[in-house]
Amino acid sequence: MTEKAQNPEDLARLFIERANAGDVEGLVALYEADAVLAVGEPVASGHEEIRAFYTRILAKKREFPPVDQMKPIVHGDLAMTTSRQPNGNISTEIARRQDDGSWLWKLDQLKIEPLKPDA
């Protein structure tokens, strides 16, 4: 059985583990059925499109390094999760607590450009 995120901060760890294992279905399982994934602009909406996106990404056989995870901001059944990648890029997501207490991403914004040092 696929491990579920029991806390919002589990999602990033599970993402890295599954991406490095080439587990497309495991990645899709981190999202709500109607979630939106964006890289600047929305690129995938719903499990079918998210599956197609990660199938293309994982076909390139690359390593996903660990991320520096910031403490999630939790308000009721919603959480904002944020991670800084080793290259300085930032990803931020909105997760929602599910009926069983686990967490899934609803909105995912990948690779937000980092602030310039003088900004």
Protein backbone atom coordinates (compact mmCIF):
# COMPACT_ATOMS: atom_id res chain seq x y z
CA MET A 1 0.00 0.00 0.00
CA THR A 2 1.26 3.49 -0.86
CA GLU A 3 2.21 5.63 2.15
CA LYS A 4 -0.07 8.62 2.74
CA ALA A 5 1.05 12.02 3.96
CA GLN A 6 -0.02 12.18 7.61
CA ASN A 7 1.22 15.78 7.85
CA PRO A 8 1.51 18.47 5.15
CA GLU A 9 5.32 18.39 5.39
CA ASP A 10 5.30 14.68 4.45
CA LEU A 11 4.23 15.55 0.90
CA ALA A 12 7.63 16.94 -0.22
CA ARG A 13 9.50 13.93 1.19
CA LEU A 14 7.11 11.52 -0.51
CA PHE A 15 7.42 13.48 -3.75
CA ILE A 16 11.24 13.19 -3.75
CA GLU A 17 11.14 9.48 -2.88
CA ARG A 18 8.60 8.66 -5.58
CA ALA A 19 10.14 10.87 -8.26
CA ASN A 20 13.56 9.27 -7.72
CA ALA A 21 11.95 5.83 -7.89
CA GLY A 22 10.26 6.73 -11.20
CA ASP A 23 6.86 6.13 -9.55
CA VAL A 24 4.43 8.17 -11.67
CA GLU A 25 1.35 6.66 -10.00
CA GLY A 26 2.82 7.40 -6.59
CA LEU A 27 3.28 11.04 -7.60
CA VAL A 28 -0.28 11.29 -8.92
CA ALA A 29 -1.49 9.87 -5.59
CA LEU A 30 -0.10 13.00 -3.83
CA TYR A 31 -2.73 15.18 -5.55
CA GLU A 32 -6.48 15.57 -5.19
CA ALA A 33 -8.43 14.29 -8.21
CA ASP A 34 -9.04 17.80 -9.57
CA ALA A 35 -5.72 19.37 -8.50
CA VAL A 36 -3.92 21.96 -10.64
CA LEU A 37 -0.18 21.80 -11.34
CA ALA A 38 1.53 24.93 -12.66
CA VAL A 39 4.99 25.79 -13.90
CA GLY A 40 4.47 29.51 -14.37
CA GLU A 41 1.16 28.74 -16.10
CA PRO A 42 -1.15 25.79 -15.42
CA VAL A 43 0.16 22.74 -17.23
CA ALA A 44 -1.99 20.01 -15.76
CA SER A 45 -5.42 19.81 -14.21
CA GLY A 46 -6.70 16.56 -12.75
CA HIS A 47 -5.07 13.18 -12.36
CA GLU A 48 -4.97 12.32 -16.07
CA GLU A 49 -3.05 15.48 -17.04
CA ILE A 50 -0.82 15.33 -13.95
CA ARG A 51 0.01 11.71 -14.83
CA ALA A 52 0.92 12.73 -18.40
CA PHE A 53 3.11 15.61 -17.12
CA TYR A 54 5.08 13.41 -14.72
CA THR A 55 5.37 10.62 -17.28
CA ARG A 56 7.17 13.11 -19.57
CA ILE A 57 9.35 14.48 -16.75
CA LEU A 58 10.39 11.09 -15.37
CA ALA A 59 11.19 9.74 -18.84
CA LYS A 60 14.31 11.94 -18.70
CA LYS A 61 15.81 9.84 -15.86
CA ARG A 62 17.10 12.55 -13.58
CA GLU A 63 17.82 12.75 -9.87
CA PHE A 64 15.58 14.85 -7.64
CA PRO A 65 17.71 16.17 -4.75
CA PRO A 66 16.42 16.68 -1.22
CA VAL A 67 14.85 20.08 -0.58
CA ASP A 68 15.00 22.57 2.27
CA GLN A 69 11.44 22.50 3.54
CA MET A 70 9.95 25.47 5.32
CA LYS A 71 7.46 24.95 8.14
CA PRO A 72 3.97 24.64 6.60
CA ILE A 73 1.37 27.28 7.32
CA VAL A 74 -1.71 25.38 8.48
CA HIS A 75 -5.18 26.85 8.86
CA GLY A 76 -7.88 24.31 9.60
CA ASP A 77 -7.93 21.78 6.78
CA LEU A 78 -5.66 23.84 4.48
CA ALA A 79 -1.88 24.09 4.47
CA MET A 80 0.65 25.99 2.39
CA THR A 81 3.83 23.99 1.90
CA THR A 82 7.01 25.57 0.58
CA SER A 83 10.37 24.06 -0.38
CA ARG A 84 13.64 25.56 -1.59
CA GLN A 85 15.54 23.45 -4.08
CA PRO A 86 19.36 23.26 -4.00
CA ASN A 87 19.50 25.64 -7.03
CA GLY A 88 17.55 28.26 -5.05
CA ASN A 89 14.24 27.81 -6.86
CA ILE A 90 11.17 27.61 -4.68
CA SER A 91 8.02 25.54 -5.02
CA THR A 92 4.87 26.26 -3.08
CA GLU A 93 1.71 24.23 -2.77
CA ILE A 94 -1.69 24.26 -1.15
CA ALA A 95 -2.65 21.00 0.51
CA ARG A 96 -5.95 19.94 2.00
CA ARG A 97 -6.63 17.50 4.82
CA GLN A 98 -8.67 14.57 3.56
CA ASP A 99 -11.55 12.81 5.34
CA ASP A 100 -9.14 10.10 6.57
CA GLY A 101 -6.78 12.73 8.08
CA SER A 102 -4.13 12.42 5.36
CA TRP A 103 -3.03 15.38 3.19
CA LEU A 104 -3.06 15.87 -0.59
CA TRP A 105 -1.98 18.76 -2.75
CA LYS A 106 -4.74 20.81 -4.37
CA LEU A 107 -2.56 23.46 -6.06
CA ASP A 108 1.12 23.06 -6.95
CA GLN A 109 3.33 25.88 -8.28
CA LEU A 110 6.71 24.47 -9.32
CA LYS A 111 10.00 26.35 -9.57
CA ILE A 112 9.19 29.90 -8.60
CA GLU A 113 12.31 31.91 -9.39
CA PRO A 114 14.27 32.93 -6.27
CA LEU A 115 14.58 36.54 -5.22
CA LYS A 116 17.67 38.32 -6.51
CA PRO A 117 20.18 39.09 -3.73
CA ASP A 118 19.64 42.86 -4.19
CA ALA A 119 15.82 42.61 -4.26
